[in-house]
Amino acid sequence: MELPPPHAAVRSRYRKVRDRASYAFALVSVAAALEVTDGAVRDVAIALGGVAHKPWRATTAEAVLRGAPATRESFVDAAAAELAGARPLAGNAFKVPLARNTMVATLLELLEEAR
């Protein structure tokens, strides 16, 4: 997956969640870039890892967030919208809430940096 390079006002972050005893693959990872102007999301890019057979661009969440208030509630709504159609395999249903919470936490960190 290739994301276009951000411009100077954009903050970005990568977060990897893994088993405590493991140094291997991520259970879930989130790469996100966020640009906030006047309290609203001007632009956003989000990709998820560990939730599909390849990296997953979170286009539904991005669409929900563009123009929305840069708030925890907006981030929660966007993550829920992105994962609403998730169909986990047996034994990995825990990844859905893990991905949702990791996405929200990553976006909140970026919002805090932007302030």
PDB file of N, CA and C in Angstrom:
ATOM      1  N   MET A   1       0.845  -1.160   0.000  1.00  0.00           N
ATOM      2  CA  MET A   1       0.000   0.000   0.000  1.00  0.00           C
ATOM      3  C   MET A   1       0.893   1.226   0.000  1.00  0.00           C
ATOM      4  N   GLU A   2       0.520   2.191  -0.768  1.00  0.00           N
ATOM      5  CA  GLU A   2       1.300   3.416  -0.852  1.00  0.00           C
ATOM      6  C   GLU A   2       0.401   4.598  -0.512  1.00  0.00           C
ATOM      7  N   LEU A   3       0.854   5.425   0.418  1.00  0.00           N
ATOM      8  CA  LEU A   3       0.126   6.633   0.782  1.00  0.00           C
ATOM      9  C   LEU A   3       0.896   7.820   0.237  1.00  0.00           C
ATOM     10  N   PRO A   4       0.216   8.823  -0.307  1.00  0.00           N
ATOM     11  CA  PRO A   4       0.929   9.993  -0.810  1.00  0.00           C
ATOM     12  C   PRO A   4       1.621  10.724   0.337  1.00  0.00           C
ATOM     13  N   PRO A   5       2.746  11.387   0.051  1.00  0.00           N
ATOM     14  CA  PRO A   5       3.454  12.092   1.125  1.00  0.00           C
ATOM     15  C   PRO A   5       2.611  13.244   1.672  1.00  0.00           C
ATOM     16  N   PRO A   6       2.602  13.414   2.993  1.00  0.00           N
ATOM     17  CA  PRO A   6       1.823  14.495   3.597  1.00  0.00           C
ATOM     18  C   PRO A   6       2.543  15.833   3.457  1.00  0.00           C
ATOM     19  N   HIS A   7       1.784  16.914   3.603  1.00  0.00           N
ATOM     20  CA  HIS A   7       2.438  18.215   3.656  1.00  0.00           C
ATOM     21  C   HIS A   7       2.682  18.600   5.108  1.00  0.00           C
ATOM     22  N   ALA A   8       3.308  19.719   5.334  1.00  0.00           N
ATOM     23  CA  ALA A   8       3.864  20.072   6.642  1.00  0.00           C
ATOM     24  C   ALA A   8       2.847  20.092   7.786  1.00  0.00           C
ATOM     25  N   ALA A   9       1.591  20.431   7.533  1.00  0.00           N
ATOM     26  CA  ALA A   9       0.609  20.554   8.614  1.00  0.00           C
ATOM     27  C   ALA A   9       0.058  19.207   9.076  1.00  0.00           C
ATOM     28  N   VAL A  10       0.416  18.155   8.401  1.00  0.00           N
ATOM     29  CA  VAL A  10      -0.120  16.835   8.715  1.00  0.00           C
ATOM     30  C   VAL A  10       0.773  16.121   9.722  1.00  0.00           C
ATOM     31  N   ARG A  11       0.160  15.548  10.734  1.00  0.00           N
ATOM     32  CA  ARG A  11       0.863  14.721  11.720  1.00  0.00           C
ATOM     33  C   ARG A  11       0.605  13.270  11.362  1.00  0.00           C
ATOM     34  N   SER A  12       1.583  12.418  11.620  1.00  0.00           N
ATOM     35  CA  SER A  12       1.372  11.001  11.323  1.00  0.00           C
ATOM     36  C   SER A  12       1.925  10.144  12.453  1.00  0.00           C
ATOM     37  N   ARG A  13       1.400   8.925  12.520  1.00  0.00           N
ATOM     38  CA  ARG A  13       1.796   8.011  13.587  1.00  0.00           C
ATOM     39  C   ARG A  13       1.520   6.586  13.145  1.00  0.00           C
ATOM     40  N   TYR A  14       2.351   5.675  13.661  1.00  0.00           N
ATOM     41  CA  TYR A  14       2.156   4.242  13.446  1.00  0.00           C
ATOM     42  C   TYR A  14       2.101   3.584  14.811  1.00  0.00           C
ATOM     43  N   ARG A  15       1.109   2.734  15.010  1.00  0.00           N
ATOM     44  CA  ARG A  15       0.972   2.029  16.285  1.00  0.00           C
ATOM     45  C   ARG A  15       0.806   0.539  15.996  1.00  0.00           C
ATOM     46  N   LYS A  16       1.609  -0.259  16.680  1.00  0.00           N
ATOM     47  CA  LYS A  16       1.577  -1.714  16.521  1.00  0.00           C
ATOM     48  C   LYS A  16       1.185  -2.331  17.854  1.00  0.00           C
ATOM     49  N   VAL A  17       0.160  -3.176  17.828  1.00  0.00           N
ATOM     50  CA  VAL A  17      -0.269  -3.906  19.018  1.00  0.00           C
ATOM     51  C   VAL A  17       0.102  -5.364  18.791  1.00  0.00           C
ATOM     52  N   ARG A  18       0.844  -5.913  19.735  1.00  0.00           N
ATOM     53  CA  ARG A  18       1.288  -7.300  19.587  1.00  0.00           C
ATOM     54  C   ARG A  18       1.160  -8.010  20.922  1.00  0.00           C
ATOM     55  N   ASP A  19       1.252  -9.320  20.874  1.00  0.00           N
ATOM     56  CA  ASP A  19       1.254 -10.126  22.084  1.00  0.00           C
ATOM     57  C   ASP A  19       2.476  -9.743  22.909  1.00  0.00           C
ATOM     58  N   ARG A  20       2.312  -9.581  24.192  1.00  0.00           N
ATOM     59  CA  ARG A  20       3.397  -9.141  25.072  1.00  0.00           C
ATOM     60  C   ARG A  20       4.638 -10.019  24.951  1.00  0.00           C
ATOM     61  N   ALA A  21       4.459 -11.299  24.773  1.00  0.00           N
ATOM     62  CA  ALA A  21       5.593 -12.225  24.735  1.00  0.00           C
ATOM     63  C   ALA A  21       6.171 -12.391  23.329  1.00  0.00           C
ATOM     64  N   SER A  22       5.651 -11.645  22.384  1.00  0.00           N
ATOM     65  CA  SER A  22       6.041 -11.846  20.990  1.00  0.00           C
ATOM     66  C   SER A  22       6.743 -10.622  20.427  1.00  0.00           C
ATOM     67  N   TYR A  23       7.674 -10.860  19.530  1.00  0.00           N
ATOM     68  CA  TYR A  23       8.289  -9.772  18.774  1.00  0.00           C
ATOM     69  C   TYR A  23       7.965  -9.940  17.298  1.00  0.00           C
ATOM     70  N   ALA A  24       6.958 -10.731  17.019  1.00  0.00           N
ATOM     71  CA  ALA A  24       6.613 -11.078  15.646  1.00  0.00           C
ATOM     72  C   ALA A  24       5.582 -10.106  15.080  1.00  0.00           C
ATOM     73  N   PHE A  25       4.688 -10.646  14.309  1.00  0.00           N
ATOM     74  CA  PHE A  25       3.701  -9.849  13.602  1.00  0.00           C
ATOM     75  C   PHE A  25       2.751  -9.144  14.560  1.00  0.00           C
ATOM     76  N   ALA A  26       2.230  -8.023  14.099  1.00  0.00           N
ATOM     77  CA  ALA A  26       1.247  -7.278  14.880  1.00  0.00           C
ATOM     78  C   ALA A  26      -0.077  -8.026  14.903  1.00  0.00           C
ATOM     79  N   LEU A  27      -0.744  -7.999  16.053  1.00  0.00           N
ATOM     80  CA  LEU A  27      -2.133  -8.444  16.098  1.00  0.00           C
ATOM     81  C   LEU A  27      -2.975  -7.463  15.288  1.00  0.00           C
ATOM     82  N   VAL A  28      -2.711  -6.184  15.514  1.00  0.00           N
ATOM     83  CA  VAL A  28      -3.350  -5.084  14.798  1.00  0.00           C
ATOM     84  C   VAL A  28      -2.342  -3.952  14.729  1.00  0.00           C
ATOM     85  N   SER A  29      -2.315  -3.239  13.614  1.00  0.00           N
ATOM     86  CA  SER A  29      -1.519  -2.019  13.537  1.00  0.00           C
ATOM     87  C   SER A  29      -2.341  -0.947  12.835  1.00  0.00           C
ATOM     88  N   VAL A  30      -2.019   0.300  13.159  1.00  0.00           N
ATOM     89  CA  VAL A  30      -2.694   1.439  12.544  1.00  0.00           C
ATOM     90  C   VAL A  30      -1.635   2.451  12.140  1.00  0.00           C
ATOM     91  N   ALA A  31      -1.688   2.862  10.888  1.00  0.00           N
ATOM     92  CA  ALA A  31      -0.890   3.982  10.397  1.00  0.00           C
ATOM     93  C   ALA A  31      -1.886   5.081  10.056  1.00  0.00           C
ATOM     94  N   ALA A  32      -1.656   6.272  10.584  1.00  0.00           N
ATOM     95  CA  ALA A  32      -2.618   7.350  10.349  1.00  0.00           C
ATOM     96  C   ALA A  32      -1.900   8.675  10.170  1.00  0.00           C
ATOM     97  N   ALA A  33      -2.494   9.515   9.349  1.00  0.00           N
ATOM     98  CA  ALA A  33      -2.051  10.896   9.172  1.00  0.00           C
ATOM     99  C   ALA A  33      -3.288  11.768   9.326  1.00  0.00           C
ATOM    100  N   LEU A  34      -3.140  12.880  10.027  1.00  0.00           N
ATOM    101  CA  LEU A  34      -4.291  13.721  10.352  1.00  0.00           C
ATOM    102  C   LEU A  34      -3.917  15.184  10.200  1.00  0.00           C
ATOM    103  N   GLU A  35      -4.787  15.918   9.526  1.00  0.00           N
ATOM    104  CA  GLU A  35      -4.642  17.369   9.433  1.00  0.00           C
ATOM    105  C   GLU A  35      -5.917  18.002   9.975  1.00  0.00           C
ATOM    106  N   VAL A  36      -5.750  18.857  10.967  1.00  0.00           N
ATOM    107  CA  VAL A  36      -6.879  19.527  11.615  1.00  0.00           C
ATOM    108  C   VAL A  36      -6.748  21.025  11.401  1.00  0.00           C
ATOM    109  N   THR A  37      -7.838  21.647  10.969  1.00  0.00           N
ATOM    110  CA  THR A  37      -7.882  23.093  10.786  1.00  0.00           C
ATOM    111  C   THR A  37      -9.135  23.624  11.464  1.00  0.00           C
ATOM    112  N   ASP A  38      -8.963  24.586  12.349  1.00  0.00           N
ATOM    113  CA  ASP A  38     -10.086  25.209  13.055  1.00  0.00           C
ATOM    114  C   ASP A  38     -11.018  24.186  13.702  1.00  0.00           C
ATOM    115  N   GLY A  39     -10.428  23.161  14.308  1.00  0.00           N
ATOM    116  CA  GLY A  39     -11.204  22.177  15.047  1.00  0.00           C
ATOM    117  C   GLY A  39     -11.901  21.124  14.210  1.00  0.00           C
ATOM    118  N   ALA A  40     -11.656  21.134  12.900  1.00  0.00           N
ATOM    119  CA  ALA A  40     -12.282  20.140  12.020  1.00  0.00           C
ATOM    120  C   ALA A  40     -11.205  19.347  11.287  1.00  0.00           C
ATOM    121  N   VAL A  41     -11.541  18.131  10.928  1.00  0.00           N
ATOM    122  CA  VAL A  41     -10.611  17.288  10.177  1.00  0.00           C
ATOM    123  C   VAL A  41     -10.583  17.790   8.739  1.00  0.00           C
ATOM    124  N   ARG A  42      -9.438  18.309   8.338  1.00  0.00           N
ATOM    125  CA  ARG A  42      -9.287  18.772   6.956  1.00  0.00           C
ATOM    126  C   ARG A  42      -8.941  17.606   6.043  1.00  0.00           C
ATOM    127  N   ASP A  43      -8.010  16.765   6.496  1.00  0.00           N
ATOM    128  CA  ASP A  43      -7.637  15.594   5.713  1.00  0.00           C
ATOM    129  C   ASP A  43      -7.180  14.492   6.654  1.00  0.00           C
ATOM    130  N   VAL A  44      -7.316  13.262   6.202  1.00  0.00           N
ATOM    131  CA  VAL A  44      -6.956  12.110   7.023  1.00  0.00           C
ATOM    132  C   VAL A  44      -6.643  10.937   6.109  1.00  0.00           C
ATOM    133  N   ALA A  45      -5.708  10.116   6.535  1.00  0.00           N
ATOM    134  CA  ALA A  45      -5.397   8.853   5.856  1.00  0.00           C
ATOM    135  C   ALA A  45      -5.173   7.811   6.947  1.00  0.00           C
ATOM    136  N   ILE A  46      -5.798   6.657   6.782  1.00  0.00           N
ATOM    137  CA  ILE A  46      -5.706   5.599   7.794  1.00  0.00           C
ATOM    138  C   ILE A  46      -5.529   4.258   7.087  1.00  0.00           C
ATOM    139  N   ALA A  47      -4.587   3.473   7.584  1.00  0.00           N
ATOM    140  CA  ALA A  47      -4.412   2.105   7.092  1.00  0.00           C
ATOM    141  C   ALA A  47      -4.317   1.170   8.293  1.00  0.00           C
ATOM    142  N   LEU A  48      -4.918  -0.005   8.154  1.00  0.00           N
ATOM    143  CA  LEU A  48      -4.900  -1.016   9.208  1.00  0.00           C
ATOM    144  C   LEU A  48      -4.066  -2.202   8.756  1.00  0.00           C
ATOM    145  N   GLY A  49      -3.335  -2.775   9.691  1.00  0.00           N
ATOM    146  CA  GLY A  49      -2.589  -3.999   9.428  1.00  0.00           C
ATOM    147  C   GLY A  49      -3.037  -5.081  10.387  1.00  0.00           C
ATOM    148  N   GLY A  50      -2.855  -6.329   9.991  1.00  0.00           N
ATOM    149  CA  GLY A  50      -3.191  -7.458  10.850  1.00  0.00           C
ATOM    150  C   GLY A  50      -4.664  -7.814  10.881  1.00  0.00           C
ATOM    151  N   VAL A  51      -5.472  -7.146  10.065  1.00  0.00           N
ATOM    152  CA  VAL A  51      -6.913  -7.398  10.093  1.00  0.00           C
ATOM    153  C   VAL A  51      -7.428  -8.045   8.806  1.00  0.00           C
ATOM    154  N   ALA A  52      -6.579  -8.192   7.834  1.00  0.00           N
ATOM    155  CA  ALA A  52      -6.961  -8.796   6.553  1.00  0.00           C
ATOM    156  C   ALA A  52      -5.721  -9.452   5.958  1.00  0.00           C
ATOM    157  N   HIS A  53      -5.873 -10.035   4.793  1.00  0.00           N
ATOM    158  CA  HIS A  53      -4.743 -10.714   4.161  1.00  0.00           C
ATOM    159  C   HIS A  53      -3.712  -9.740   3.598  1.00  0.00           C
ATOM    160  N   LYS A  54      -4.035  -8.454   3.618  1.00  0.00           N
ATOM    161  CA  LYS A  54      -3.111  -7.404   3.186  1.00  0.00           C
ATOM    162  C   LYS A  54      -3.472  -6.130   3.948  1.00  0.00           C
ATOM    163  N   PRO A  55      -2.602  -5.119   3.926  1.00  0.00           N
ATOM    164  CA  PRO A  55      -2.959  -3.865   4.597  1.00  0.00           C
ATOM    165  C   PRO A  55      -4.300  -3.338   4.073  1.00  0.00           C
ATOM    166  N   TRP A  56      -5.060  -2.736   4.974  1.00  0.00           N
ATOM    167  CA  TRP A  56      -6.422  -2.309   4.688  1.00  0.00           C
ATOM    168  C   TRP A  56      -6.515  -0.794   4.783  1.00  0.00           C
ATOM    169  N   ARG A  57      -6.789  -0.124   3.683  1.00  0.00           N
ATOM    170  CA  ARG A  57      -6.993   1.322   3.701  1.00  0.00           C
ATOM    171  C   ARG A  57      -8.395   1.587   4.233  1.00  0.00           C
ATOM    172  N   ALA A  58      -8.494   2.373   5.275  1.00  0.00           N
ATOM    173  CA  ALA A  58      -9.767   2.623   5.962  1.00  0.00           C
ATOM    174  C   ALA A  58     -10.519   3.778   5.299  1.00  0.00           C
ATOM    175  N   THR A  59     -10.958   3.560   4.067  1.00  0.00           N
ATOM    176  CA  THR A  59     -11.591   4.627   3.288  1.00  0.00           C
ATOM    177  C   THR A  59     -12.940   5.063   3.854  1.00  0.00           C
ATOM    178  N   THR A  60     -13.672   4.150   4.463  1.00  0.00           N
ATOM    179  CA  THR A  60     -14.956   4.531   5.067  1.00  0.00           C
ATOM    180  C   THR A  60     -14.719   5.473   6.240  1.00  0.00           C
ATOM    181  N   ALA A  61     -13.773   5.131   7.098  1.00  0.00           N
ATOM    182  CA  ALA A  61     -13.444   5.997   8.240  1.00  0.00           C
ATOM    183  C   ALA A  61     -12.942   7.353   7.760  1.00  0.00           C
ATOM    184  N   GLU A  62     -12.112   7.351   6.729  1.00  0.00           N
ATOM    185  CA  GLU A  62     -11.598   8.612   6.188  1.00  0.00           C
ATOM    186  C   GLU A  62     -12.739   9.502   5.703  1.00  0.00           C
ATOM    187  N   ALA A  63     -13.693   8.912   4.990  1.00  0.00           N
ATOM    188  CA  ALA A  63     -14.820   9.685   4.466  1.00  0.00           C
ATOM    189  C   ALA A  63     -15.683  10.247   5.594  1.00  0.00           C
ATOM    190  N   VAL A  64     -15.889   9.457   6.640  1.00  0.00           N
ATOM    191  CA  VAL A  64     -16.674   9.922   7.789  1.00  0.00           C
ATOM    192  C   VAL A  64     -15.979  11.107   8.462  1.00  0.00           C
ATOM    193  N   LEU A  65     -14.663  11.070   8.524  1.00  0.00           N
ATOM    194  CA  LEU A  65     -13.920  12.090   9.268  1.00  0.00           C
ATOM    195  C   LEU A  65     -13.706  13.396   8.505  1.00  0.00           C
ATOM    196  N   ARG A  66     -13.550  13.349   7.203  1.00  0.00           N
ATOM    197  CA  ARG A  66     -13.264  14.587   6.458  1.00  0.00           C
ATOM    198  C   ARG A  66     -14.390  15.598   6.660  1.00  0.00           C
ATOM    199  N   GLY A  67     -14.028  16.760   7.218  1.00  0.00           N
ATOM    200  CA  GLY A  67     -14.986  17.821   7.484  1.00  0.00           C
ATOM    201  C   GLY A  67     -15.687  17.708   8.828  1.00  0.00           C
ATOM    202  N   ALA A  68     -15.516  16.594   9.509  1.00  0.00           N
ATOM    203  CA  ALA A  68     -16.168  16.387  10.811  1.00  0.00           C
ATOM    204  C   ALA A  68     -15.377  17.089  11.917  1.00  0.00           C
ATOM    205  N   PRO A  69     -16.017  17.354  13.050  1.00  0.00           N
ATOM    206  CA  PRO A  69     -15.273  17.906  14.182  1.00  0.00           C
ATOM    207  C   PRO A  69     -14.169  16.934  14.608  1.00  0.00           C
ATOM    208  N   ALA A  70     -13.031  17.467  14.958  1.00  0.00           N
ATOM    209  CA  ALA A  70     -11.905  16.636  15.410  1.00  0.00           C
ATOM    210  C   ALA A  70     -12.108  16.332  16.888  1.00  0.00           C
ATOM    211  N   THR A  71     -12.950  15.343  17.161  1.00  0.00           N
ATOM    212  CA  THR A  71     -13.293  14.974  18.532  1.00  0.00           C
ATOM    213  C   THR A  71     -13.229  13.464  18.702  1.00  0.00           C
ATOM    214  N   ARG A  72     -13.166  13.054  19.944  1.00  0.00           N
ATOM    215  CA  ARG A  72     -13.198  11.622  20.256  1.00  0.00           C
ATOM    216  C   ARG A  72     -14.451  10.970  19.667  1.00  0.00           C
ATOM    217  N   GLU A  73     -15.578  11.645  19.792  1.00  0.00           N
ATOM    218  CA  GLU A  73     -16.833  11.092  19.283  1.00  0.00           C
ATOM    219  C   GLU A  73     -16.758  10.841  17.780  1.00  0.00           C
ATOM    220  N   SER A  74     -16.195  11.780  17.040  1.00  0.00           N
ATOM    221  CA  SER A  74     -16.043  11.592  15.590  1.00  0.00           C
ATOM    222  C   SER A  74     -15.128  10.421  15.283  1.00  0.00           C
ATOM    223  N   PHE A  75     -14.047  10.288  16.054  1.00  0.00           N
ATOM    224  CA  PHE A  75     -13.110   9.187  15.831  1.00  0.00           C
ATOM    225  C   PHE A  75     -13.773   7.839  16.124  1.00  0.00           C
ATOM    226  N   VAL A  76     -14.557   7.787  17.200  1.00  0.00           N
ATOM    227  CA  VAL A  76     -15.278   6.556  17.549  1.00  0.00           C
ATOM    228  C   VAL A  76     -16.279   6.207  16.444  1.00  0.00           C
ATOM    229  N   ASP A  77     -17.018   7.201  15.966  1.00  0.00           N
ATOM    230  CA  ASP A  77     -17.993   6.965  14.897  1.00  0.00           C
ATOM    231  C   ASP A  77     -17.314   6.468  13.625  1.00  0.00           C
ATOM    232  N   ALA A  78     -16.176   7.057  13.284  1.00  0.00           N
ATOM    233  CA  ALA A  78     -15.455   6.665  12.070  1.00  0.00           C
ATOM    234  C   ALA A  78     -14.935   5.236  12.174  1.00  0.00           C
ATOM    235  N   ALA A  79     -14.368   4.891  13.320  1.00  0.00           N
ATOM    236  CA  ALA A  79     -13.849   3.531  13.511  1.00  0.00           C
ATOM    237  C   ALA A  79     -14.986   2.513  13.470  1.00  0.00           C
ATOM    238  N   ALA A  80     -16.110   2.850  14.085  1.00  0.00           N
ATOM    239  CA  ALA A  80     -17.265   1.947  14.064  1.00  0.00           C
ATOM    240  C   ALA A  80     -17.782   1.760  12.642  1.00  0.00           C
ATOM    241  N   ALA A  81     -17.832   2.839  11.876  1.00  0.00           N
ATOM    242  CA  ALA A  81     -18.299   2.746  10.490  1.00  0.00           C
ATOM    243  C   ALA A  81     -17.367   1.871   9.657  1.00  0.00           C
ATOM    244  N   GLU A  82     -16.069   2.034   9.863  1.00  0.00           N
ATOM    245  CA  GLU A  82     -15.097   1.248   9.097  1.00  0.00           C
ATOM    246  C   GLU A  82     -15.236  -0.242   9.377  1.00  0.00           C
ATOM    247  N   LEU A  83     -15.465  -0.594  10.621  1.00  0.00           N
ATOM    248  CA  LEU A  83     -15.460  -2.004  11.009  1.00  0.00           C
ATOM    249  C   LEU A  83     -16.854  -2.615  11.103  1.00  0.00           C
ATOM    250  N   ALA A  84     -17.872  -1.862  10.716  1.00  0.00           N
ATOM    251  CA  ALA A  84     -19.252  -2.348  10.828  1.00  0.00           C
ATOM    252  C   ALA A  84     -19.479  -3.639  10.046  1.00  0.00           C
ATOM    253  N   GLY A  85     -18.833  -3.789   8.930  1.00  0.00           N
ATOM    254  CA  GLY A  85     -19.033  -4.984   8.112  1.00  0.00           C
ATOM    255  C   GLY A  85     -17.996  -6.065   8.321  1.00  0.00           C
ATOM    256  N   ALA A  86     -17.201  -5.936   9.367  1.00  0.00           N
ATOM    257  CA  ALA A  86     -16.128  -6.917   9.608  1.00  0.00           C
ATOM    258  C   ALA A  86     -16.710  -8.305   9.834  1.00  0.00           C
ATOM    259  N   ARG A  87     -16.065  -9.287   9.227  1.00  0.00           N
ATOM    260  CA  ARG A  87     -16.471 -10.687   9.400  1.00  0.00           C
ATOM    261  C   ARG A  87     -15.249 -11.475   9.865  1.00  0.00           C
ATOM    262  N   PRO A  88     -14.980 -11.454  11.157  1.00  0.00           N
ATOM    263  CA  PRO A  88     -13.779 -12.130  11.658  1.00  0.00           C
ATOM    264  C   PRO A  88     -13.874 -13.642  11.510  1.00  0.00           C
ATOM    265  N   LEU A  89     -12.726 -14.258  11.395  1.00  0.00           N
ATOM    266  CA  LEU A  89     -12.635 -15.714  11.358  1.00  0.00           C
ATOM    267  C   LEU A  89     -12.743 -16.253  12.783  1.00  0.00           C
ATOM    268  N   ALA A  90     -13.020 -17.529  12.894  1.00  0.00           N
ATOM    269  CA  ALA A  90     -13.086 -18.161  14.213  1.00  0.00           C
ATOM    270  C   ALA A  90     -11.755 -17.965  14.929  1.00  0.00           C
ATOM    271  N   GLY A  91     -11.813 -17.523  16.150  1.00  0.00           N
ATOM    272  CA  GLY A  91     -10.602 -17.357  16.943  1.00  0.00           C
ATOM    273  C   GLY A  91      -9.959 -15.988  16.866  1.00  0.00           C
ATOM    274  N   ASN A  92     -10.434 -15.111  15.982  1.00  0.00           N
ATOM    275  CA  ASN A  92      -9.816 -13.787  15.956  1.00  0.00           C
ATOM    276  C   ASN A  92     -10.836 -12.649  16.013  1.00  0.00           C
ATOM    277  N   ALA A  93     -12.010 -12.915  16.536  1.00  0.00           N
ATOM    278  CA  ALA A  93     -13.025 -11.869  16.677  1.00  0.00           C
ATOM    279  C   ALA A  93     -12.550 -10.741  17.590  1.00  0.00           C
ATOM    280  N   PHE A  94     -11.607 -11.034  18.472  1.00  0.00           N
ATOM    281  CA  PHE A  94     -11.065 -10.006  19.371  1.00  0.00           C
ATOM    282  C   PHE A  94     -10.403  -8.871  18.597  1.00  0.00           C
ATOM    283  N   LYS A  95     -10.013  -9.121  17.348  1.00  0.00           N
ATOM    284  CA  LYS A  95      -9.323  -8.094  16.567  1.00  0.00           C
ATOM    285  C   LYS A  95     -10.229  -6.931  16.173  1.00  0.00           C
ATOM    286  N   VAL A  96     -11.532  -7.162  16.100  1.00  0.00           N
ATOM    287  CA  VAL A  96     -12.438  -6.080  15.705  1.00  0.00           C
ATOM    288  C   VAL A  96     -12.433  -4.964  16.747  1.00  0.00           C
ATOM    289  N   PRO A  97     -12.730  -5.239  18.026  1.00  0.00           N
ATOM    290  CA  PRO A  97     -12.646  -4.148  19.004  1.00  0.00           C
ATOM    291  C   PRO A  97     -11.217  -3.645  19.201  1.00  0.00           C
ATOM    292  N   LEU A  98     -10.234  -4.529  19.057  1.00  0.00           N
ATOM    293  CA  LEU A  98      -8.839  -4.096  19.184  1.00  0.00           C
ATOM    294  C   LEU A  98      -8.493  -3.096  18.085  1.00  0.00           C
ATOM    295  N   ALA A  99      -8.898  -3.370  16.857  1.00  0.00           N
ATOM    296  CA  ALA A  99      -8.643  -2.447  15.747  1.00  0.00           C
ATOM    297  C   ALA A  99      -9.387  -1.132  15.958  1.00  0.00           C
ATOM    298  N   ARG A 100     -10.632  -1.215  16.390  1.00  0.00           N
ATOM    299  CA  ARG A 100     -11.429  -0.012  16.629  1.00  0.00           C
ATOM    300  C   ARG A 100     -10.772   0.863  17.697  1.00  0.00           C
ATOM    301  N   ASN A 101     -10.400   0.266  18.817  1.00  0.00           N
ATOM    302  CA  ASN A 101      -9.791   1.028  19.909  1.00  0.00           C
ATOM    303  C   ASN A 101      -8.419   1.573  19.530  1.00  0.00           C
ATOM    304  N   THR A 102      -7.655   0.811  18.766  1.00  0.00           N
ATOM    305  CA  THR A 102      -6.325   1.262  18.349  1.00  0.00           C
ATOM    306  C   THR A 102      -6.441   2.432  17.380  1.00  0.00           C
ATOM    307  N   MET A 103      -7.418   2.375  16.482  1.00  0.00           N
ATOM    308  CA  MET A 103      -7.626   3.483  15.553  1.00  0.00           C
ATOM    309  C   MET A 103      -7.989   4.758  16.309  1.00  0.00           C
ATOM    310  N   VAL A 104      -8.911   4.648  17.248  1.00  0.00           N
ATOM    311  CA  VAL A 104      -9.334   5.819  18.025  1.00  0.00           C
ATOM    312  C   VAL A 104      -8.161   6.372  18.832  1.00  0.00           C
ATOM    313  N   ALA A 105      -7.408   5.516  19.501  1.00  0.00           N
ATOM    314  CA  ALA A 105      -6.270   5.969  20.313  1.00  0.00           C
ATOM    315  C   ALA A 105      -5.216   6.662  19.458  1.00  0.00           C
ATOM    316  N   THR A 106      -4.956   6.132  18.279  1.00  0.00           N
ATOM    317  CA  THR A 106      -3.959   6.729  17.389  1.00  0.00           C
ATOM    318  C   THR A 106      -4.409   8.109  16.928  1.00  0.00           C
ATOM    319  N   LEU A 107      -5.663   8.236  16.540  1.00  0.00           N
ATOM    320  CA  LEU A 107      -6.178   9.538  16.106  1.00  0.00           C
ATOM    321  C   LEU A 107      -6.192  10.547  17.251  1.00  0.00           C
ATOM    322  N   LEU A 108      -6.512  10.094  18.462  1.00  0.00           N
ATOM    323  CA  LEU A 108      -6.481  11.004  19.616  1.00  0.00           C
ATOM    324  C   LEU A 108      -5.072  11.508  19.894  1.00  0.00           C
ATOM    325  N   GLU A 109      -4.074  10.643  19.749  1.00  0.00           N
ATOM    326  CA  GLU A 109      -2.685  11.076  19.925  1.00  0.00           C
ATOM    327  C   GLU A 109      -2.315  12.134  18.894  1.00  0.00           C
ATOM    328  N   LEU A 110      -2.727  11.926  17.662  1.00  0.00           N
ATOM    329  CA  LEU A 110      -2.440  12.902  16.607  1.00  0.00           C
ATOM    330  C   LEU A 110      -3.143  14.224  16.881  1.00  0.00           C
ATOM    331  N   LEU A 111      -4.368  14.159  17.360  1.00  0.00           N
ATOM    332  CA  LEU A 111      -5.104  15.378  17.691  1.00  0.00           C
ATOM    333  C   LEU A 111      -4.388  16.143  18.794  1.00  0.00           C
ATOM    334  N   GLU A 112      -3.921  15.434  19.800  1.00  0.00           N
ATOM    335  CA  GLU A 112      -3.202  16.080  20.903  1.00  0.00           C
ATOM    336  C   GLU A 112      -1.926  16.750  20.398  1.00  0.00           C
ATOM    337  N   GLU A 113      -1.214  16.099  19.493  1.00  0.00           N
ATOM    338  CA  GLU A 113      -0.002  16.690  18.907  1.00  0.00           C
ATOM    339  C   GLU A 113      -0.313  17.956  18.128  1.00  0.00           C
ATOM    340  N   ALA A 114      -1.464  17.997  17.491  1.00  0.00           N
ATOM    341  CA  ALA A 114      -1.824  19.135  16.644  1.00  0.00           C
ATOM    342  C   ALA A 114      -2.175  20.375  17.462  1.00  0.00           C
ATOM    343  N   ARG A 115      -2.471  20.188  18.732  1.00  0.00           N
ATOM    344  CA  ARG A 115      -2.881  21.336  19.571  1.00  0.00           C
ATOM    345  C   ARG A 115      -1.713  22.139  20.045  1.00  0.00           C
TER     346      ARG A 115
END
